[in-house]
Structures are given as structure tokens and as C-alpha cells.
Amino acid sequence: MADKANKEEVQVEETAVAQSEESTKPQKEVSLKESNPEKFLKEFNWHNYEEGIDPIDDGKLEEFEKLVAENFVDTLDDEVVEGKVVYITDRDAIIDINAKSEGVVSLNEFRYNPDLKVGDKVEVLIDVREDSTGQLILSHRKARTIKAWDRVNAAHDEGTIVNGYVKCRTKGGMIVDVFGIEAFLPGSQIDVKPIRDYDVYVGKTMEFKVVKINHEFKNVVVSHKALIEADIEEQKKEIIGQLEKGQVLEGVVKNITSYGVFVDLGGVDGLVHITDLSWSRINHPNEIVELDQKLNVVILDFDEDKTRIQLGLKQLNPHPWEALGEE
């Protein structure tokens, strides 16, 4: 009987100890959360919790869910977020995006930035939420691509000017890098003047306007000519508003025909008729001028809208008969 009584006492004591441990365990967990919730959530065994191995006490479930909501951001798979580099290995960068675990980005995606260091802020998106080892895989390259397309679309919609790097020639034009996206620059959209040598543009950074986007095929078309035309239109309005007969302006020979020479006055074209090129008789205008030559001309006349401007070159020199009279 005594032995039986002793066994019962031992069982009662063991039960009491177990109950005491169970009662103190959640209290310890709560105090840990209250003292350092971020550390608690980072060290929490999410796998066991999601598998139901370590369930949360019903009485603390609401508090636990609130804690998670306050400390973690629910990121969508295609959402670009800003993360912080917390550690760098010889192969990967460990990024904190305020999720249940830190994510990994291959250093290959940062080859353009060899100076990447701990503490840097980078844009990433979730590539794989959980690989075979349970690791969160992030992508910086995909995030940059999404952001680049956002910027290109905005430039197209708003008509803003973008900078692009001319990478190489291609059939019918050039390939231009705009925000990391390869855009097509048609040969006809490089300049208002015909291009004789495309290679002179390779390696240059220029301003462009995004004129067309094909979202289905991910094609972007840009134009430098559109910017020149816009500038010329402004210059044209300014020049036309100041035109006066007898005014002398500097221009550039734009085109030579059998009947005269077209001169660019800075966005406005005027014609020097063959009879106004020289006091002497000539057979063809190319006897007097050549393409791209800079020269001074005088405004002889223009129509009411100032769209047809008559220029003179010989009028800037005295008439031969006048010179003889002076002698």
C-alpha cells in the first residue's frame, strides 16, 4: 500500500511539473514577442507552424496574426519592392524585404554594379517563394526590367524625352539602349537630313522620343528626328516672325537644282533663283555654290504667309556696271 501511495504522489508531482511548464511556456513566448517582436518573428519556425506541428494557442492567435501584419509586408509575385543588402557571400547577396525570411539574389545579377555592399538598397521581386531547400529566391534583373518598361511606357504616354545609348547598326537603322531595353531607331528617324554614314552614331548617347511601343512583341521604336523637327518648328516660328525684306541672314545650302539653290535659314527654307546667284551668266548653280556650304543671303521677297521666301546672293555684291561707273 505504501509503495502504491508513493507512486501516486510521484505521478501527481510529475503532472504538476508538466502543467507548470506548459503554463510558463506561452508566457515566455509572449514576453519574447513583447520585448523583441522582430527577432521573435525572424526566428519563428514557420514551417512547423504552417504544417500544424507547432500551432498557436487559440487565445493568442489574434495577437499573433496582428504581430505578423504589423511586421511583415505581403508582397505579390510580380510586385517590385525595395530591399536591403544584409550579407554578401561569394555567390549571392542576401536581401531583407521585410518578409518571413530573407531572400537570395545571385551576384551575377549585379555584374553592372561591382561596388555592391551591405546596407545598399536594391529593387527586387519574388522569383521563387520557396525552392527545394525552403529558400526565398529574389530577382534583381527581373525587377529592373519591369521598372524599365514602366519608364518607357510613361515616356511614350507623356511624350517626355529619354536618353539612349546607340549600341550598333542593324538592318534599316540602329539599336539603342533605353533604360536597359533595346529599342529600334529607324534610319529615317535619325535626322532631318539624309544620313550618309550610320557608323558615326555608334557609341553615342543621344536624346530620343519614344514614338511607338508594341506590347505584344515587346518592341520599342524611338526617334531623334522628331526632336529636331520640334526644335526646327520653334525656330521656324521665331524666324518667320522676324523676316523683313532686305534682311541679310546666314544659311546653309540644302539642295541644288538646275533652276536654283535651296538655303536652310535655320528651320525655314528659301530659294535663290539661278538668276540671283551671280551677276555673270552661269549654266548651273553648282558653279557658284556646293552642298552644306555656309553663306550669307539677302531676303528679296516672300508671300503673305511667308512660306515661300525669295533669296538673293548676287545682291550682296555691287553690280559690275556700278563698279565701272565709279571708275
C-alpha atoms as a PDB file:
ATOM      1  CA  MET A   1       0.000   0.000   0.000  1.00  0.00           C
ATOM      2  CA  ALA A   2       2.840   2.368   0.879  1.00  0.00           C
ATOM      3  CA  ASP A   3       4.511   1.721  -2.474  1.00  0.00           C
ATOM      4  CA  LYS A   4       1.273   2.416  -4.281  1.00  0.00           C
ATOM      5  CA  ALA A   5       0.802   5.664  -2.394  1.00  0.00           C
ATOM      6  CA  ASN A   6       4.353   6.743  -3.216  1.00  0.00           C
ATOM      7  CA  LYS A   7       3.795   6.052  -6.930  1.00  0.00           C
ATOM      8  CA  GLU A   8       0.618   8.123  -6.894  1.00  0.00           C
ATOM      9  CA  GLU A   9       2.449  11.004  -5.215  1.00  0.00           C
ATOM     10  CA  VAL A  10       5.215  10.881  -7.854  1.00  0.00           C
ATOM     11  CA  GLN A  11       2.658  10.894 -10.668  1.00  0.00           C
ATOM     12  CA  VAL A  12       0.885  13.882  -9.129  1.00  0.00           C
ATOM     13  CA  GLU A  13       4.186  15.763  -8.817  1.00  0.00           C
ATOM     14  CA  GLU A  14       5.144  14.961 -12.447  1.00  0.00           C
ATOM     15  CA  THR A  15       1.738  16.124 -13.643  1.00  0.00           C
ATOM     16  CA  ALA A  16       2.072  19.339 -11.676  1.00  0.00           C
ATOM     17  CA  VAL A  17       5.530  19.979 -13.091  1.00  0.00           C
ATOM     18  CA  ALA A  18       4.299  19.353 -16.639  1.00  0.00           C
ATOM     19  CA  GLN A  19       1.342  21.667 -16.130  1.00  0.00           C
ATOM     20  CA  SER A  20       3.668  24.277 -14.687  1.00  0.00           C
ATOM     21  CA  GLU A  21       5.960  24.025 -17.718  1.00  0.00           C
ATOM     22  CA  GLU A  22       3.017  24.264 -20.113  1.00  0.00           C
ATOM     23  CA  SER A  23       1.661  27.298 -18.287  1.00  0.00           C
ATOM     24  CA  THR A  24       5.004  29.088 -18.285  1.00  0.00           C
ATOM     25  CA  LYS A  25       5.887  28.227 -21.909  1.00  0.00           C
ATOM     26  CA  PRO A  26       3.367  30.563 -23.599  1.00  0.00           C
ATOM     27  CA  GLN A  27       4.140  33.254 -21.036  1.00  0.00           C
ATOM     28  CA  LYS A  28       7.803  33.059 -22.018  1.00  0.00           C
ATOM     29  CA  GLU A  29       6.813  33.220 -25.689  1.00  0.00           C
ATOM     30  CA  VAL A  30       4.611  36.272 -25.128  1.00  0.00           C
ATOM     31  CA  SER A  31       7.286  38.086 -23.175  1.00  0.00           C
ATOM     32  CA  LEU A  32       9.755  37.343 -26.008  1.00  0.00           C
ATOM     33  CA  LYS A  33       7.407  38.823 -28.561  1.00  0.00           C
ATOM     34  CA  GLU A  34       6.767  41.867 -26.434  1.00  0.00           C
ATOM     35  CA  SER A  35      10.468  42.514 -25.843  1.00  0.00           C
ATOM     36  CA  ASN A  36      11.644  41.966 -29.433  1.00  0.00           C
ATOM     37  CA  PRO A  37       8.855  41.097 -31.892  1.00  0.00           C
ATOM     38  CA  GLU A  38      11.102  41.389 -34.955  1.00  0.00           C
ATOM     39  CA  LYS A  39      13.608  38.880 -33.558  1.00  0.00           C
ATOM     40  CA  PHE A  40      10.812  36.554 -32.483  1.00  0.00           C
ATOM     41  CA  LEU A  41       9.243  36.520 -35.942  1.00  0.00           C
ATOM     42  CA  LYS A  42      12.588  36.074 -37.708  1.00  0.00           C
ATOM     43  CA  GLU A  43      13.460  33.072 -35.514  1.00  0.00           C
ATOM     44  CA  PHE A  44       9.954  31.615 -35.583  1.00  0.00           C
ATOM     45  CA  ASN A  45       9.646  28.140 -37.156  1.00  0.00           C
ATOM     46  CA  TRP A  46       7.231  28.984 -39.955  1.00  0.00           C
ATOM     47  CA  HIS A  47       7.416  25.510 -41.481  1.00  0.00           C
ATOM     48  CA  ASN A  48       6.224  23.827 -38.289  1.00  0.00           C
ATOM     49  CA  TYR A  49       3.526  26.452 -37.836  1.00  0.00           C
ATOM     50  CA  GLU A  50       2.187  26.103 -41.398  1.00  0.00           C
ATOM     51  CA  GLU A  51       2.307  22.296 -41.161  1.00  0.00           C
ATOM     52  CA  GLY A  52       0.365  22.389 -37.877  1.00  0.00           C
ATOM     53  CA  ILE A  53       3.247  20.899 -35.884  1.00  0.00           C
ATOM     54  CA  ASP A  54       3.571  23.931 -33.614  1.00  0.00           C
ATOM     55  CA  PRO A  55       0.116  25.534 -33.548  1.00  0.00           C
ATOM     56  CA  ILE A  56      -0.509  28.875 -31.877  1.00  0.00           C
ATOM     57  CA  ASP A  57      -2.721  28.860 -28.812  1.00  0.00           C
ATOM     58  CA  ASP A  58      -6.246  29.980 -29.774  1.00  0.00           C
ATOM     59  CA  GLY A  59      -6.125  32.619 -27.111  1.00  0.00           C
ATOM     60  CA  LYS A  60      -3.020  34.149 -28.661  1.00  0.00           C
ATOM     61  CA  LEU A  61      -3.923  33.610 -32.346  1.00  0.00           C
ATOM     62  CA  GLU A  62      -5.397  37.077 -32.875  1.00  0.00           C
ATOM     63  CA  GLU A  63      -2.401  38.697 -31.184  1.00  0.00           C
ATOM     64  CA  PHE A  64      -0.028  36.591 -33.283  1.00  0.00           C
ATOM     65  CA  GLU A  65      -1.761  37.499 -36.565  1.00  0.00           C
ATOM     66  CA  LYS A  66      -1.685  41.181 -35.615  1.00  0.00           C
ATOM     67  CA  LEU A  67       2.028  40.895 -34.879  1.00  0.00           C
ATOM     68  CA  VAL A  68       2.647  39.348 -38.310  1.00  0.00           C
ATOM     69  CA  ALA A  69       0.581  42.031 -40.067  1.00  0.00           C
ATOM     70  CA  GLU A  70       2.472  44.832 -38.310  1.00  0.00           C
ATOM     71  CA  ASN A  71       5.949  43.472 -39.031  1.00  0.00           C
ATOM     72  CA  PHE A  72       5.693  41.816 -42.455  1.00  0.00           C
ATOM     73  CA  VAL A  73       4.749  43.082 -45.917  1.00  0.00           C
ATOM     74  CA  ASP A  74       2.614  40.789 -48.072  1.00  0.00           C
ATOM     75  CA  THR A  75       4.422  41.026 -51.411  1.00  0.00           C
ATOM     76  CA  LEU A  76       2.850  39.890 -54.690  1.00  0.00           C
ATOM     77  CA  ASP A  77       4.911  37.748 -57.067  1.00  0.00           C
ATOM     78  CA  ASP A  78       5.110  40.442 -59.778  1.00  0.00           C
ATOM     79  CA  GLU A  79       5.486  43.355 -57.371  1.00  0.00           C
ATOM     80  CA  VAL A  80       8.774  45.249 -57.320  1.00  0.00           C
ATOM     81  CA  VAL A  81       9.862  46.122 -53.783  1.00  0.00           C
ATOM     82  CA  GLU A  82      12.889  47.754 -52.231  1.00  0.00           C
ATOM     83  CA  GLY A  83      15.136  45.528 -50.147  1.00  0.00           C
ATOM     84  CA  LYS A  84      18.279  45.993 -48.112  1.00  0.00           C
ATOM     85  CA  VAL A  85      21.500  44.036 -48.613  1.00  0.00           C
ATOM     86  CA  VAL A  86      22.285  42.435 -45.241  1.00  0.00           C
ATOM     87  CA  TYR A  87      25.028  39.992 -46.231  1.00  0.00           C
ATOM     88  CA  ILE A  88      27.131  39.112 -49.275  1.00  0.00           C
ATOM     89  CA  THR A  89      28.646  35.686 -49.957  1.00  0.00           C
ATOM     90  CA  ASP A  90      30.967  34.710 -52.789  1.00  0.00           C
ATOM     91  CA  ARG A  91      27.918  33.795 -54.904  1.00  0.00           C
ATOM     92  CA  ASP A  92      24.833  35.554 -53.557  1.00  0.00           C
ATOM     93  CA  ALA A  93      23.515  38.711 -51.960  1.00  0.00           C
ATOM     94  CA  ILE A  94      21.186  38.209 -49.004  1.00  0.00           C
ATOM     95  CA  ILE A  95      18.345  40.721 -49.147  1.00  0.00           C
ATOM     96  CA  ASP A  96      15.882  41.726 -46.428  1.00  0.00           C
ATOM     97  CA  ILE A  97      12.499  42.666 -47.934  1.00  0.00           C
ATOM     98  CA  ASN A  98      10.641  42.585 -44.609  1.00  0.00           C
ATOM     99  CA  ALA A  99       9.254  39.119 -45.321  1.00  0.00           C
ATOM    100  CA  LYS A 100       9.142  35.987 -43.161  1.00  0.00           C
ATOM    101  CA  SER A 101      12.666  35.160 -44.277  1.00  0.00           C
ATOM    102  CA  GLU A 102      15.493  36.892 -46.066  1.00  0.00           C
ATOM    103  CA  GLY A 103      15.809  36.332 -49.813  1.00  0.00           C
ATOM    104  CA  VAL A 104      18.730  35.424 -52.041  1.00  0.00           C
ATOM    105  CA  VAL A 105      19.838  37.107 -55.283  1.00  0.00           C
ATOM    106  CA  SER A 106      22.653  35.737 -57.432  1.00  0.00           C
ATOM    107  CA  LEU A 107      25.592  38.141 -57.665  1.00  0.00           C
ATOM    108  CA  ASN A 108      25.502  37.594 -61.444  1.00  0.00           C
ATOM    109  CA  GLU A 109      22.535  39.963 -61.475  1.00  0.00           C
ATOM    110  CA  PHE A 110      24.726  42.727 -60.042  1.00  0.00           C
ATOM    111  CA  ARG A 111      27.574  42.494 -62.556  1.00  0.00           C
ATOM    112  CA  TYR A 112      26.803  46.049 -63.649  1.00  0.00           C
ATOM    113  CA  ASN A 113      27.385  47.138 -60.022  1.00  0.00           C
ATOM    114  CA  PRO A 114      30.678  45.649 -58.760  1.00  0.00           C
ATOM    115  CA  ASP A 115      30.628  48.033 -55.771  1.00  0.00           C
ATOM    116  CA  LEU A 116      27.521  46.460 -54.216  1.00  0.00           C
ATOM    117  CA  LYS A 117      27.880  46.433 -50.425  1.00  0.00           C
ATOM    118  CA  VAL A 118      25.983  45.627 -47.233  1.00  0.00           C
ATOM    119  CA  GLY A 119      23.434  48.329 -46.479  1.00  0.00           C
ATOM    120  CA  ASP A 120      22.682  49.157 -50.129  1.00  0.00           C
ATOM    121  CA  LYS A 121      19.024  49.459 -51.134  1.00  0.00           C
ATOM    122  CA  VAL A 122      18.071  47.447 -54.237  1.00  0.00           C
ATOM    123  CA  GLU A 123      14.867  46.750 -56.147  1.00  0.00           C
ATOM    124  CA  VAL A 124      13.823  43.096 -56.323  1.00  0.00           C
ATOM    125  CA  LEU A 125      10.812  40.886 -56.882  1.00  0.00           C
ATOM    126  CA  ILE A 126       9.959  37.395 -55.690  1.00  0.00           C
ATOM    127  CA  ASP A 127      11.146  34.829 -58.229  1.00  0.00           C
ATOM    128  CA  VAL A 128      10.562  31.623 -56.219  1.00  0.00           C
ATOM    129  CA  ARG A 129       8.771  31.795 -52.881  1.00  0.00           C
ATOM    130  CA  GLU A 130      10.316  28.561 -51.664  1.00  0.00           C
ATOM    131  CA  ASP A 131      12.836  26.418 -53.526  1.00  0.00           C
ATOM    132  CA  SER A 132      13.693  22.788 -52.720  1.00  0.00           C
ATOM    133  CA  THR A 133      15.620  23.927 -49.637  1.00  0.00           C
ATOM    134  CA  GLY A 134      12.906  26.289 -48.453  1.00  0.00           C
ATOM    135  CA  GLN A 135      14.854  29.368 -49.556  1.00  0.00           C
ATOM    136  CA  LEU A 136      13.167  32.561 -50.796  1.00  0.00           C
ATOM    137  CA  ILE A 137      14.656  33.397 -54.223  1.00  0.00           C
ATOM    138  CA  LEU A 138      14.568  37.015 -55.410  1.00  0.00           C
ATOM    139  CA  SER A 139      15.441  38.591 -58.763  1.00  0.00           C
ATOM    140  CA  HIS A 140      17.009  41.997 -59.239  1.00  0.00           C
ATOM    141  CA  ARG A 141      17.281  41.621 -63.019  1.00  0.00           C
ATOM    142  CA  LYS A 142      13.548  40.995 -63.473  1.00  0.00           C
ATOM    143  CA  ALA A 143      12.738  43.917 -61.189  1.00  0.00           C
ATOM    144  CA  ARG A 144      14.936  46.208 -63.289  1.00  0.00           C
ATOM    145  CA  THR A 145      13.218  45.008 -66.472  1.00  0.00           C
ATOM    146  CA  ILE A 146       9.748  45.732 -65.081  1.00  0.00           C
ATOM    147  CA  LYS A 147      10.832  49.177 -63.898  1.00  0.00           C
ATOM    148  CA  ALA A 148      12.438  49.866 -67.279  1.00  0.00           C
ATOM    149  CA  TRP A 149       9.199  49.069 -69.115  1.00  0.00           C
ATOM    150  CA  ASP A 150       7.281  51.280 -66.680  1.00  0.00           C
ATOM    151  CA  ARG A 151       9.609  54.173 -67.535  1.00  0.00           C
ATOM    152  CA  VAL A 152       9.422  53.553 -71.296  1.00  0.00           C
ATOM    153  CA  ASN A 153       5.618  53.385 -71.197  1.00  0.00           C
ATOM    154  CA  ALA A 154       5.471  56.591 -69.163  1.00  0.00           C
ATOM    155  CA  ALA A 155       7.812  58.351 -71.613  1.00  0.00           C
ATOM    156  CA  HIS A 156       5.599  57.272 -74.524  1.00  0.00           C
ATOM    157  CA  ASP A 157       2.341  58.294 -72.834  1.00  0.00           C
ATOM    158  CA  GLU A 158       3.655  61.631 -71.559  1.00  0.00           C
ATOM    159  CA  GLY A 159       5.814  62.469 -74.589  1.00  0.00           C
ATOM    160  CA  THR A 160       8.899  63.021 -72.453  1.00  0.00           C
ATOM    161  CA  ILE A 161      12.452  62.942 -73.814  1.00  0.00           C
ATOM    162  CA  VAL A 162      14.680  59.972 -72.912  1.00  0.00           C
ATOM    163  CA  ASN A 163      18.421  59.384 -73.167  1.00  0.00           C
ATOM    164  CA  GLY A 164      19.611  56.368 -75.125  1.00  0.00           C
ATOM    165  CA  TYR A 165      22.940  54.772 -75.970  1.00  0.00           C
ATOM    166  CA  VAL A 166      23.419  53.815 -79.633  1.00  0.00           C
ATOM    167  CA  LYS A 167      24.796  50.256 -79.442  1.00  0.00           C
ATOM    168  CA  CYS A 168      25.174  49.161 -83.053  1.00  0.00           C
ATOM    169  CA  ARG A 169      23.855  49.199 -86.589  1.00  0.00           C
ATOM    170  CA  THR A 170      21.134  46.845 -87.736  1.00  0.00           C
ATOM    171  CA  LYS A 171      19.089  46.362 -90.876  1.00  0.00           C
ATOM    172  CA  GLY A 172      17.257  49.592 -91.597  1.00  0.00           C
ATOM    173  CA  GLY A 173      18.590  51.556 -88.659  1.00  0.00           C
ATOM    174  CA  MET A 174      20.264  51.378 -85.254  1.00  0.00           C
ATOM    175  CA  ILE A 175      19.830  49.552 -81.921  1.00  0.00           C
ATOM    176  CA  VAL A 176      19.538  51.928 -78.961  1.00  0.00           C
ATOM    177  CA  ASP A 177      19.705  51.049 -75.257  1.00  0.00           C
ATOM    178  CA  VAL A 178      16.940  52.903 -73.393  1.00  0.00           C
ATOM    179  CA  PHE A 179      16.716  52.117 -69.652  1.00  0.00           C
ATOM    180  CA  GLY A 180      18.258  48.712 -70.418  1.00  0.00           C
ATOM    181  CA  ILE A 181      15.700  47.910 -73.139  1.00  0.00           C
ATOM    182  CA  GLU A 182      16.834  47.523 -76.754  1.00  0.00           C
ATOM    183  CA  ALA A 183      14.879  49.962 -78.913  1.00  0.00           C
ATOM    184  CA  PHE A 184      14.895  50.344 -82.695  1.00  0.00           C
ATOM    185  CA  LEU A 185      15.903  53.643 -84.284  1.00  0.00           C
ATOM    186  CA  PRO A 186      14.892  53.632 -87.977  1.00  0.00           C
ATOM    187  CA  GLY A 187      17.405  55.227 -90.320  1.00  0.00           C
ATOM    188  CA  SER A 188      14.750  57.707 -91.409  1.00  0.00           C
ATOM    189  CA  GLN A 189      14.316  58.860 -87.808  1.00  0.00           C
ATOM    190  CA  ILE A 190      17.935  59.765 -87.054  1.00  0.00           C
ATOM    191  CA  ASP A 191      17.997  63.246 -88.596  1.00  0.00           C
ATOM    192  CA  VAL A 192      16.033  65.545 -90.848  1.00  0.00           C
ATOM    193  CA  LYS A 193      18.916  65.369 -93.322  1.00  0.00           C
ATOM    194  CA  PRO A 194      19.834  62.181 -95.207  1.00  0.00           C
ATOM    195  CA  ILE A 195      22.425  60.097 -93.333  1.00  0.00           C
ATOM    196  CA  ARG A 196      25.487  59.135 -95.346  1.00  0.00           C
ATOM    197  CA  ASP A 197      27.372  57.271 -92.584  1.00  0.00           C
ATOM    198  CA  TYR A 198      25.423  55.490 -89.845  1.00  0.00           C
ATOM    199  CA  ASP A 199      28.563  54.353 -88.032  1.00  0.00           C
ATOM    200  CA  VAL A 200      29.331  57.860 -86.759  1.00  0.00           C
ATOM    201  CA  TYR A 201      26.403  57.489 -84.346  1.00  0.00           C
ATOM    202  CA  VAL A 202      27.533  54.179 -82.784  1.00  0.00           C
ATOM    203  CA  GLY A 203      28.717  54.672 -79.204  1.00  0.00           C
ATOM    204  CA  LYS A 204      26.941  57.997 -78.767  1.00  0.00           C
ATOM    205  CA  THR A 205      24.408  58.899 -76.080  1.00  0.00           C
ATOM    206  CA  MET A 206      21.577  60.912 -77.615  1.00  0.00           C
ATOM    207  CA  GLU A 207      18.126  62.206 -76.794  1.00  0.00           C
ATOM    208  CA  PHE A 208      15.111  60.397 -78.219  1.00  0.00           C
ATOM    209  CA  LYS A 209      11.357  60.392 -78.239  1.00  0.00           C
ATOM    210  CA  VAL A 210       9.512  57.082 -77.813  1.00  0.00           C
ATOM    211  CA  VAL A 211       7.188  57.064 -80.827  1.00  0.00           C
ATOM    212  CA  LYS A 212       5.814  53.511 -80.789  1.00  0.00           C
ATOM    213  CA  ILE A 213       5.513  50.503 -78.455  1.00  0.00           C
ATOM    214  CA  ASN A 214       4.323  47.038 -79.472  1.00  0.00           C
ATOM    215  CA  HIS A 215       3.452  45.361 -76.166  1.00  0.00           C
ATOM    216  CA  GLU A 216       2.706  42.004 -77.785  1.00  0.00           C
ATOM    217  CA  PHE A 217       6.186  41.655 -79.258  1.00  0.00           C
ATOM    218  CA  LYS A 218       7.943  43.894 -76.708  1.00  0.00           C
ATOM    219  CA  ASN A 219       9.209  46.256 -79.413  1.00  0.00           C
ATOM    220  CA  VAL A 220      10.086  49.911 -78.857  1.00  0.00           C
ATOM    221  CA  VAL A 221      10.673  52.447 -81.636  1.00  0.00           C
ATOM    222  CA  VAL A 222      12.425  55.747 -80.919  1.00  0.00           C
ATOM    223  CA  SER A 223      13.119  58.860 -82.959  1.00  0.00           C
ATOM    224  CA  HIS A 224      15.768  61.559 -82.770  1.00  0.00           C
ATOM    225  CA  LYS A 225      14.389  63.281 -85.845  1.00  0.00           C
ATOM    226  CA  ALA A 226      11.130  64.061 -84.020  1.00  0.00           C
ATOM    227  CA  LEU A 227      13.056  66.179 -81.513  1.00  0.00           C
ATOM    228  CA  ILE A 228      14.919  68.015 -84.264  1.00  0.00           C
ATOM    229  CA  GLU A 229      11.657  68.705 -86.083  1.00  0.00           C
ATOM    230  CA  ALA A 230      10.117  70.084 -82.901  1.00  0.00           C
ATOM    231  CA  ASP A 231      13.111  72.396 -82.419  1.00  0.00           C
ATOM    232  CA  ILE A 232      13.014  73.435 -86.067  1.00  0.00           C
ATOM    233  CA  GLU A 233       9.312  74.239 -85.818  1.00  0.00           C
ATOM    234  CA  GLU A 234      10.002  76.563 -82.890  1.00  0.00           C
ATOM    235  CA  GLN A 235      12.916  78.175 -84.709  1.00  0.00           C
ATOM    236  CA  LYS A 236      10.788  78.485 -87.833  1.00  0.00           C
ATOM    237  CA  LYS A 237       8.076  80.418 -85.995  1.00  0.00           C
ATOM    238  CA  GLU A 238      10.689  82.723 -84.482  1.00  0.00           C
ATOM    239  CA  ILE A 239      12.464  83.342 -87.801  1.00  0.00           C
ATOM    240  CA  ILE A 240       9.258  83.897 -89.785  1.00  0.00           C
ATOM    241  CA  GLY A 241       8.078  86.415 -87.219  1.00  0.00           C
ATOM    242  CA  GLN A 242      11.254  88.463 -87.720  1.00  0.00           C
ATOM    243  CA  LEU A 243      11.564  88.314 -91.529  1.00  0.00           C
ATOM    244  CA  GLU A 244      11.956  91.614 -93.356  1.00  0.00           C
ATOM    245  CA  LYS A 245      12.806  92.470 -96.957  1.00  0.00           C
ATOM    246  CA  GLY A 246      16.429  93.457 -97.329  1.00  0.00           C
ATOM    247  CA  GLN A 247      17.433  91.480 -94.242  1.00  0.00           C
ATOM    248  CA  VAL A 248      20.734  89.571 -94.517  1.00  0.00           C
ATOM    249  CA  LEU A 249      20.822  86.099 -92.926  1.00  0.00           C
ATOM    250  CA  GLU A 250      23.301  83.255 -92.738  1.00  0.00           C
ATOM    251  CA  GLY A 251      22.159  79.968 -94.216  1.00  0.00           C
ATOM    252  CA  VAL A 252      23.354  76.557 -95.357  1.00  0.00           C
ATOM    253  CA  VAL A 253      22.987  75.186 -98.883  1.00  0.00           C
ATOM    254  CA  LYS A 254      20.469  72.362 -98.513  1.00  0.00           C
ATOM    255  CA  ASN A 255      19.782  71.380-102.101  1.00  0.00           C
ATOM    256  CA  ILE A 256      20.998  72.357-105.572  1.00  0.00           C
ATOM    257  CA  THR A 257      18.758  72.117-108.631  1.00  0.00           C
ATOM    258  CA  SER A 258      19.082  73.264-112.233  1.00  0.00           C
ATOM    259  CA  TYR A 259      16.910  76.314-111.544  1.00  0.00           C
ATOM    260  CA  GLY A 260      18.310  77.436-108.215  1.00  0.00           C
ATOM    261  CA  VAL A 261      19.582  76.744-104.715  1.00  0.00           C
ATOM    262  CA  PHE A 262      17.560  75.955-101.580  1.00  0.00           C
ATOM    263  CA  VAL A 263      19.057  77.503 -98.471  1.00  0.00           C
ATOM    264  CA  ASP A 264      18.227  76.483 -94.894  1.00  0.00           C
ATOM    265  CA  LEU A 265      17.884  79.604 -92.755  1.00  0.00           C
ATOM    266  CA  GLY A 266      17.632  77.644 -89.512  1.00  0.00           C
ATOM    267  CA  GLY A 267      14.362  75.820 -89.987  1.00  0.00           C
ATOM    268  CA  VAL A 268      12.977  77.914 -92.833  1.00  0.00           C
ATOM    269  CA  ASP A 269      13.941  77.231 -96.442  1.00  0.00           C
ATOM    270  CA  GLY A 270      14.360  79.918 -99.052  1.00  0.00           C
ATOM    271  CA  LEU A 271      15.165  79.747-102.761  1.00  0.00           C
ATOM    272  CA  VAL A 272      17.963  81.574-104.526  1.00  0.00           C
ATOM    273  CA  HIS A 273      16.954  81.506-108.195  1.00  0.00           C
ATOM    274  CA  ILE A 274      19.779  80.839-110.654  1.00  0.00           C
ATOM    275  CA  THR A 275      19.457  84.413-111.927  1.00  0.00           C
ATOM    276  CA  ASP A 276      20.074  85.742-108.395  1.00  0.00           C
ATOM    277  CA  LEU A 277      23.249  83.757-107.772  1.00  0.00           C
ATOM    278  CA  SER A 278      25.663  85.839-109.805  1.00  0.00           C
ATOM    279  CA  TRP A 279      25.768  88.976-111.928  1.00  0.00           C
ATOM    280  CA  SER A 280      27.578  86.872-114.517  1.00  0.00           C
ATOM    281  CA  ARG A 281      25.812  84.322-116.677  1.00  0.00           C
ATOM    282  CA  ILE A 282      26.130  80.735-115.356  1.00  0.00           C
ATOM    283  CA  ASN A 283      24.972  77.391-116.743  1.00  0.00           C
ATOM    284  CA  HIS A 284      24.333  75.636-113.412  1.00  0.00           C
ATOM    285  CA  PRO A 285      24.168  76.739-109.737  1.00  0.00           C
ATOM    286  CA  ASN A 286      26.921  74.280-108.747  1.00  0.00           C
ATOM    287  CA  GLU A 287      29.342  76.639-110.500  1.00  0.00           C
ATOM    288  CA  ILE A 288      28.772  79.065-107.614  1.00  0.00           C
ATOM    289  CA  VAL A 289      27.875  77.006-104.528  1.00  0.00           C
ATOM    290  CA  GLU A 290      28.163  73.473-103.118  1.00  0.00           C
ATOM    291  CA  LEU A 291      26.127  71.355-100.696  1.00  0.00           C
ATOM    292  CA  ASP A 292      26.420  72.198 -96.971  1.00  0.00           C
ATOM    293  CA  GLN A 293      28.186  75.465 -97.788  1.00  0.00           C
ATOM    294  CA  LYS A 294      27.532  78.308 -95.353  1.00  0.00           C
ATOM    295  CA  LEU A 295      26.785  81.663 -96.957  1.00  0.00           C
ATOM    296  CA  ASN A 296      25.027  84.972 -96.430  1.00  0.00           C
ATOM    297  CA  VAL A 297      21.876  85.737 -98.430  1.00  0.00           C
ATOM    298  CA  VAL A 298      19.506  88.676 -98.597  1.00  0.00           C
ATOM    299  CA  ILE A 299      15.709  88.422 -98.412  1.00  0.00           C
ATOM    300  CA  LEU A 300      14.263  89.759-101.659  1.00  0.00           C
ATOM    301  CA  ASP A 301      10.602  88.901-101.189  1.00  0.00           C
ATOM    302  CA  PHE A 302       8.131  86.487 -99.558  1.00  0.00           C
ATOM    303  CA  ASP A 303       4.453  85.636 -99.870  1.00  0.00           C
ATOM    304  CA  GLU A 304       1.768  86.680 -97.397  1.00  0.00           C
ATOM    305  CA  ASP A 305       2.200  83.563 -95.223  1.00  0.00           C
ATOM    306  CA  LYS A 306       5.994  83.737 -95.510  1.00  0.00           C
ATOM    307  CA  THR A 307       6.070  80.126 -96.678  1.00  0.00           C
ATOM    308  CA  ARG A 308       7.793  80.961 -99.981  1.00  0.00           C
ATOM    309  CA  ILE A 309      10.880  83.055 -99.441  1.00  0.00           C
ATOM    310  CA  GLN A 310      12.879  84.504-102.346  1.00  0.00           C
ATOM    311  CA  LEU A 311      16.566  84.998-101.581  1.00  0.00           C
ATOM    312  CA  GLY A 312      19.442  86.676-103.370  1.00  0.00           C
ATOM    313  CA  LEU A 313      23.185  86.114-103.341  1.00  0.00           C
ATOM    314  CA  LYS A 314      24.447  88.432-106.074  1.00  0.00           C
ATOM    315  CA  GLN A 315      22.671  91.406-104.466  1.00  0.00           C
ATOM    316  CA  LEU A 316      25.279  91.356-101.700  1.00  0.00           C
ATOM    317  CA  ASN A 317      27.884  92.431-104.269  1.00  0.00           C
ATOM    318  CA  PRO A 318      27.864  95.624-106.356  1.00  0.00           C
ATOM    319  CA  HIS A 319      26.588  95.416-109.923  1.00  0.00           C
ATOM    320  CA  PRO A 320      29.512  95.362-112.394  1.00  0.00           C
ATOM    321  CA  TRP A 321      28.124  98.440-114.171  1.00  0.00           C
ATOM    322  CA  GLU A 322      28.115 100.348-110.876  1.00  0.00           C
ATOM    323  CA  ALA A 323      31.758  99.470-110.363  1.00  0.00           C
ATOM    324  CA  LEU A 324      32.585 100.750-113.856  1.00  0.00           C
ATOM    325  CA  GLY A 325      30.684 103.977-113.175  1.00  0.00           C
ATOM    326  CA  GLU A 326      32.736 104.622-110.061  1.00  0.00           C
ATOM    327  CA  GLU A 327      35.935 104.244-112.071  1.00  0.00           C
END
